[in-house]
Amino acid sequence: MAKSKSRKKSRAKEKETNWQERVVQIRRVSKVVKGGKKLSFRAIVVVGNEKGQVGVGVGKAADVIGAVRKGVADAKKQLVEVSLTKASSITHVSNGVAGGAKVFMRPAAPGTGVIAGGAVRTVLELAGVKNILAKQLGSNNPLNNARAAINALESLRTFSEVAQERGLSLEHLYA
């Protein structure tokens, strides 16, 4: 029985360790209260397993470590499943919007790499995308750009999903 418990613990640790976390931004924010200003920290964190799952989270706390921990927990609650091609790219052109930020994504040929900037690059790398062209338009706010990237990845559909929605067979869709 002791062996089975240790196996369960090691499996639980394996599940935890395959998630990668990257802090996109840490900001010191203040709130004006009766006694003066109360300082706290806001952390924007991206979590992904590089196998098609990624999430963006925000955490606020009195210290940086607490804010990052809360951000990771928030990101894991908001995970998105991304369908990737054999070339580790996306299936089709996609646009995403969040606030004033717009993100344009386009699939790329094998060997291209991730051509994107800022928070969008972090989201794509942790999602497991290896070949893509992406452009941030509008706002340069890291949180809105990361959320716009997630929005663009959410709107991706595969051929089989489209065929199922239309009530057609996959062969009929190609014809």
C-alpha atoms as a PDB file:
ATOM      1  CA  MET A   1       0.000   0.000   0.000  1.00  0.00           C
ATOM      2  CA  ALA A   2       2.875   2.359   0.711  1.00  0.00           C
ATOM      3  CA  LYS A   3       4.101   1.964  -2.871  1.00  0.00           C
ATOM      4  CA  SER A   4       0.751   2.953  -4.371  1.00  0.00           C
ATOM      5  CA  LYS A   5       0.649   6.154  -2.298  1.00  0.00           C
ATOM      6  CA  SER A   6       4.140   7.156  -3.409  1.00  0.00           C
ATOM      7  CA  ARG A   7       3.203   6.445  -7.041  1.00  0.00           C
ATOM      8  CA  LYS A   8       0.145   8.658  -6.711  1.00  0.00           C
ATOM      9  CA  LYS A   9       2.287  11.445  -5.264  1.00  0.00           C
ATOM     10  CA  SER A  10       4.859  11.157  -8.060  1.00  0.00           C
ATOM     11  CA  ARG A  11       2.093  11.197 -10.693  1.00  0.00           C
ATOM     12  CA  ALA A  12       0.579  14.276  -9.077  1.00  0.00           C
ATOM     13  CA  LYS A  13       4.004  15.940  -9.145  1.00  0.00           C
ATOM     14  CA  GLU A  14       4.426  14.987 -12.829  1.00  0.00           C
ATOM     15  CA  LYS A  15       1.093  16.617 -13.626  1.00  0.00           C
ATOM     16  CA  GLU A  16       2.190  19.761 -11.801  1.00  0.00           C
ATOM     17  CA  THR A  17       5.660  19.961 -13.324  1.00  0.00           C
ATOM     18  CA  ASN A  18       4.618  19.742 -16.973  1.00  0.00           C
ATOM     19  CA  TRP A  19       3.042  23.207 -16.631  1.00  0.00           C
ATOM     20  CA  GLN A  20       5.327  26.109 -17.374  1.00  0.00           C
ATOM     21  CA  GLU A  21       4.723  29.548 -15.914  1.00  0.00           C
ATOM     22  CA  ARG A  22       6.008  32.828 -17.263  1.00  0.00           C
ATOM     23  CA  VAL A  23       5.493  36.196 -15.650  1.00  0.00           C
ATOM     24  CA  VAL A  24       4.658  38.775 -18.315  1.00  0.00           C
ATOM     25  CA  GLN A  25       4.511  41.824 -16.067  1.00  0.00           C
ATOM     26  CA  ILE A  26       4.757  42.815 -12.411  1.00  0.00           C
ATOM     27  CA  ARG A  27       3.363  46.201 -11.477  1.00  0.00           C
ATOM     28  CA  ARG A  28       3.300  48.079  -8.221  1.00  0.00           C
ATOM     29  CA  VAL A  29      -0.166  49.502  -7.730  1.00  0.00           C
ATOM     30  CA  SER A  30      -1.461  51.730  -4.973  1.00  0.00           C
ATOM     31  CA  LYS A  31      -4.841  52.363  -3.436  1.00  0.00           C
ATOM     32  CA  VAL A  32      -5.541  55.594  -1.594  1.00  0.00           C
ATOM     33  CA  VAL A  33      -7.044  54.914   1.833  1.00  0.00           C
ATOM     34  CA  LYS A  34      -7.742  57.087   4.882  1.00  0.00           C
ATOM     35  CA  GLY A  35      -4.253  56.620   6.323  1.00  0.00           C
ATOM     36  CA  GLY A  36      -2.408  57.241   3.032  1.00  0.00           C
ATOM     37  CA  LYS A  37      -1.514  54.912   0.177  1.00  0.00           C
ATOM     38  CA  LYS A  38      -1.685  51.124   0.370  1.00  0.00           C
ATOM     39  CA  LEU A  39       0.880  49.507  -1.946  1.00  0.00           C
ATOM     40  CA  SER A  40       0.336  46.113  -3.570  1.00  0.00           C
ATOM     41  CA  PHE A  41       1.571  44.193  -6.612  1.00  0.00           C
ATOM     42  CA  ARG A  42      -0.187  42.978  -9.740  1.00  0.00           C
ATOM     43  CA  ALA A  43       1.297  40.064 -11.664  1.00  0.00           C
ATOM     44  CA  ILE A  44       0.256  38.955 -15.160  1.00  0.00           C
ATOM     45  CA  VAL A  45       1.130  35.271 -15.592  1.00  0.00           C
ATOM     46  CA  VAL A  46       0.856  32.909 -18.580  1.00  0.00           C
ATOM     47  CA  VAL A  47       0.647  29.160 -17.889  1.00  0.00           C
ATOM     48  CA  GLY A  48       0.950  26.462 -20.550  1.00  0.00           C
ATOM     49  CA  ASN A  49       2.011  22.868 -21.129  1.00  0.00           C
ATOM     50  CA  GLU A  50       3.394  23.343 -24.695  1.00  0.00           C
ATOM     51  CA  LYS A  51       0.936  20.651 -25.843  1.00  0.00           C
ATOM     52  CA  GLY A  52      -2.031  22.823 -26.770  1.00  0.00           C
ATOM     53  CA  GLN A  53      -3.205  24.199 -23.430  1.00  0.00           C
ATOM     54  CA  VAL A  54      -2.579  27.767 -22.304  1.00  0.00           C
ATOM     55  CA  GLY A  55      -4.120  30.320 -19.940  1.00  0.00           C
ATOM     56  CA  VAL A  56      -3.603  33.908 -18.800  1.00  0.00           C
ATOM     57  CA  GLY A  57      -4.150  34.978 -15.210  1.00  0.00           C
ATOM     58  CA  VAL A  58      -3.842  38.060 -13.018  1.00  0.00           C
ATOM     59  CA  GLY A  59      -2.988  38.058  -9.339  1.00  0.00           C
ATOM     60  CA  LYS A  60      -2.844  40.908  -6.819  1.00  0.00           C
ATOM     61  CA  ALA A  61      -1.248  40.709  -3.395  1.00  0.00           C
ATOM     62  CA  ALA A  62       0.813  42.684  -0.888  1.00  0.00           C
ATOM     63  CA  ASP A  63       3.983  40.864  -2.013  1.00  0.00           C
ATOM     64  CA  VAL A  64       5.271  39.780  -5.434  1.00  0.00           C
ATOM     65  CA  ILE A  65       5.411  36.053  -4.651  1.00  0.00           C
ATOM     66  CA  GLY A  66       1.795  36.027  -3.472  1.00  0.00           C
ATOM     67  CA  ALA A  67       0.681  37.932  -6.582  1.00  0.00           C
ATOM     68  CA  VAL A  68       2.470  35.453  -8.874  1.00  0.00           C
ATOM     69  CA  ARG A  69       0.972  32.494  -6.996  1.00  0.00           C
ATOM     70  CA  LYS A  70      -2.537  33.971  -7.362  1.00  0.00           C
ATOM     71  CA  GLY A  71      -1.869  34.710 -11.044  1.00  0.00           C
ATOM     72  CA  VAL A  72      -0.868  31.076 -11.682  1.00  0.00           C
ATOM     73  CA  ALA A  73      -4.020  29.824  -9.941  1.00  0.00           C
ATOM     74  CA  ASP A  74      -6.152  32.225 -12.012  1.00  0.00           C
ATOM     75  CA  ALA A  75      -4.442  31.171 -15.261  1.00  0.00           C
ATOM     76  CA  LYS A  76      -5.050  27.474 -14.550  1.00  0.00           C
ATOM     77  CA  LYS A  77      -8.767  28.227 -14.094  1.00  0.00           C
ATOM     78  CA  GLN A  78      -8.923  29.865 -17.535  1.00  0.00           C
ATOM     79  CA  LEU A  79      -7.131  27.285 -19.684  1.00  0.00           C
ATOM     80  CA  VAL A  80      -7.868  27.158 -23.405  1.00  0.00           C
ATOM     81  CA  GLU A  81      -7.412  24.134 -25.679  1.00  0.00           C
ATOM     82  CA  VAL A  82      -5.555  24.931 -28.929  1.00  0.00           C
ATOM     83  CA  SER A  83      -5.659  22.602 -31.945  1.00  0.00           C
ATOM     84  CA  LEU A  84      -2.259  22.469 -33.646  1.00  0.00           C
ATOM     85  CA  THR A  85      -1.244  21.112 -37.056  1.00  0.00           C
ATOM     86  CA  LYS A  86       1.512  18.558 -37.697  1.00  0.00           C
ATOM     87  CA  ALA A  87       3.880  21.475 -38.381  1.00  0.00           C
ATOM     88  CA  SER A  88       3.128  22.892 -34.883  1.00  0.00           C
ATOM     89  CA  SER A  89       1.226  25.806 -36.375  1.00  0.00           C
ATOM     90  CA  ILE A  90      -2.382  26.968 -36.242  1.00  0.00           C
ATOM     91  CA  THR A  91      -5.025  25.702 -38.664  1.00  0.00           C
ATOM     92  CA  HIS A  92      -6.053  29.001 -40.269  1.00  0.00           C
ATOM     93  CA  VAL A  93      -5.802  32.793 -40.056  1.00  0.00           C
ATOM     94  CA  SER A  94      -7.301  34.138 -36.857  1.00  0.00           C
ATOM     95  CA  ASN A  95      -8.026  37.491 -35.216  1.00  0.00           C
ATOM     96  CA  GLY A  96      -8.499  38.193 -31.535  1.00  0.00           C
ATOM     97  CA  VAL A  97      -9.730  41.272 -29.671  1.00  0.00           C
ATOM     98  CA  ALA A  98      -9.577  42.235 -26.005  1.00  0.00           C
ATOM     99  CA  GLY A  99     -10.214  45.822 -24.977  1.00  0.00           C
ATOM    100  CA  GLY A 100      -8.241  48.094 -27.317  1.00  0.00           C
ATOM    101  CA  ALA A 101      -5.816  45.332 -28.316  1.00  0.00           C
ATOM    102  CA  LYS A 102      -6.164  43.395 -31.545  1.00  0.00           C
ATOM    103  CA  VAL A 103      -4.011  40.406 -32.496  1.00  0.00           C
ATOM    104  CA  PHE A 104      -3.679  38.955 -36.007  1.00  0.00           C
ATOM    105  CA  MET A 105      -2.330  35.397 -36.363  1.00  0.00           C
ATOM    106  CA  ARG A 106      -1.362  33.535 -39.499  1.00  0.00           C
ATOM    107  CA  PRO A 107      -0.048  29.967 -39.910  1.00  0.00           C
ATOM    108  CA  ALA A 108       3.534  29.630 -41.124  1.00  0.00           C
ATOM    109  CA  ALA A 109       5.658  26.997 -42.866  1.00  0.00           C
ATOM    110  CA  PRO A 110       7.869  24.636 -40.832  1.00  0.00           C
ATOM    111  CA  GLY A 111      11.130  26.284 -39.816  1.00  0.00           C
ATOM    112  CA  THR A 112       9.682  29.802 -39.588  1.00  0.00           C
ATOM    113  CA  GLY A 113       9.598  29.968 -35.801  1.00  0.00           C
ATOM    114  CA  VAL A 114       7.431  32.180 -33.614  1.00  0.00           C
ATOM    115  CA  ILE A 115       7.370  35.654 -35.122  1.00  0.00           C
ATOM    116  CA  ALA A 116       5.472  37.659 -32.530  1.00  0.00           C
ATOM    117  CA  GLY A 117       6.235  40.193 -29.857  1.00  0.00           C
ATOM    118  CA  GLY A 118       5.627  40.748 -26.172  1.00  0.00           C
ATOM    119  CA  ALA A 119       2.856  38.933 -24.354  1.00  0.00           C
ATOM    120  CA  VAL A 120       1.555  37.336 -27.582  1.00  0.00           C
ATOM    121  CA  ARG A 121       4.890  35.550 -28.076  1.00  0.00           C
ATOM    122  CA  THR A 122       4.772  34.181 -24.528  1.00  0.00           C
ATOM    123  CA  VAL A 123       1.203  32.888 -24.997  1.00  0.00           C
ATOM    124  CA  LEU A 124       2.074  31.187 -28.303  1.00  0.00           C
ATOM    125  CA  GLU A 125       5.280  29.579 -27.003  1.00  0.00           C
ATOM    126  CA  LEU A 126       3.535  28.144 -23.929  1.00  0.00           C
ATOM    127  CA  ALA A 127       0.666  26.898 -26.121  1.00  0.00           C
ATOM    128  CA  GLY A 128       3.191  24.807 -28.059  1.00  0.00           C
ATOM    129  CA  VAL A 129       3.005  26.726 -31.334  1.00  0.00           C
ATOM    130  CA  LYS A 130       6.365  26.537 -33.145  1.00  0.00           C
ATOM    131  CA  ASN A 131       5.637  28.188 -36.525  1.00  0.00           C
ATOM    132  CA  ILE A 132       3.426  31.269 -36.675  1.00  0.00           C
ATOM    133  CA  LEU A 133       3.261  34.885 -37.758  1.00  0.00           C
ATOM    134  CA  ALA A 134       1.477  37.224 -35.331  1.00  0.00           C
ATOM    135  CA  LYS A 135       1.023  40.975 -35.096  1.00  0.00           C
ATOM    136  CA  GLN A 136      -0.235  43.149 -32.244  1.00  0.00           C
ATOM    137  CA  LEU A 137      -2.435  46.009 -33.399  1.00  0.00           C
ATOM    138  CA  GLY A 138      -3.879  48.851 -31.366  1.00  0.00           C
ATOM    139  CA  SER A 139      -3.019  48.869 -27.676  1.00  0.00           C
ATOM    140  CA  ASN A 140       0.363  47.758 -26.323  1.00  0.00           C
ATOM    141  CA  ASN A 141      -1.063  46.780 -22.922  1.00  0.00           C
ATOM    142  CA  PRO A 142       0.443  43.339 -22.080  1.00  0.00           C
ATOM    143  CA  LEU A 143      -2.690  42.029 -20.348  1.00  0.00           C
ATOM    144  CA  ASN A 144      -5.045  42.977 -23.183  1.00  0.00           C
ATOM    145  CA  ASN A 145      -2.603  41.635 -25.800  1.00  0.00           C
ATOM    146  CA  ALA A 146      -2.310  38.308 -23.960  1.00  0.00           C
ATOM    147  CA  ARG A 147      -6.099  38.067 -23.674  1.00  0.00           C
ATOM    148  CA  ALA A 148      -6.497  38.974 -27.364  1.00  0.00           C
ATOM    149  CA  ALA A 149      -4.046  36.170 -28.246  1.00  0.00           C
ATOM    150  CA  ILE A 150      -6.100  33.734 -26.148  1.00  0.00           C
ATOM    151  CA  ASN A 151      -9.252  34.985 -27.905  1.00  0.00           C
ATOM    152  CA  ALA A 152      -7.652  34.359 -31.317  1.00  0.00           C
ATOM    153  CA  LEU A 153      -6.544  30.844 -30.295  1.00  0.00           C
ATOM    154  CA  GLU A 154     -10.044  30.074 -28.951  1.00  0.00           C
ATOM    155  CA  SER A 155     -11.629  30.920 -32.308  1.00  0.00           C
ATOM    156  CA  LEU A 156      -9.541  28.310 -34.176  1.00  0.00           C
ATOM    157  CA  ARG A 157     -11.416  25.337 -35.614  1.00  0.00           C
ATOM    158  CA  THR A 158     -10.267  22.148 -37.327  1.00  0.00           C
ATOM    159  CA  PHE A 159     -11.754  20.625 -40.484  1.00  0.00           C
ATOM    160  CA  SER A 160     -13.397  17.865 -38.465  1.00  0.00           C
ATOM    161  CA  GLU A 161     -15.053  20.403 -36.128  1.00  0.00           C
ATOM    162  CA  VAL A 162     -16.424  22.376 -39.099  1.00  0.00           C
ATOM    163  CA  ALA A 163     -17.718  19.179 -40.756  1.00  0.00           C
ATOM    164  CA  GLN A 164     -19.434  18.138 -37.522  1.00  0.00           C
ATOM    165  CA  GLU A 165     -21.061  21.574 -37.100  1.00  0.00           C
ATOM    166  CA  ARG A 166     -22.401  21.454 -40.661  1.00  0.00           C
ATOM    167  CA  GLY A 167     -23.578  17.861 -40.329  1.00  0.00           C
ATOM    168  CA  LEU A 168     -21.367  16.652 -43.185  1.00  0.00           C
ATOM    169  CA  SER A 169     -18.771  13.935 -43.502  1.00  0.00           C
ATOM    170  CA  LEU A 170     -15.132  15.009 -43.685  1.00  0.00           C
ATOM    171  CA  GLU A 171     -14.832  13.611 -47.246  1.00  0.00           C
ATOM    172  CA  HIS A 172     -17.895  15.592 -48.356  1.00  0.00           C
ATOM    173  CA  LEU A 173     -16.379  18.785 -46.938  1.00  0.00           C
ATOM    174  CA  TYR A 174     -13.244  18.381 -49.084  1.00  0.00           C
ATOM    175  CA  ALA A 175     -15.261  17.686 -52.252  1.00  0.00           C
END
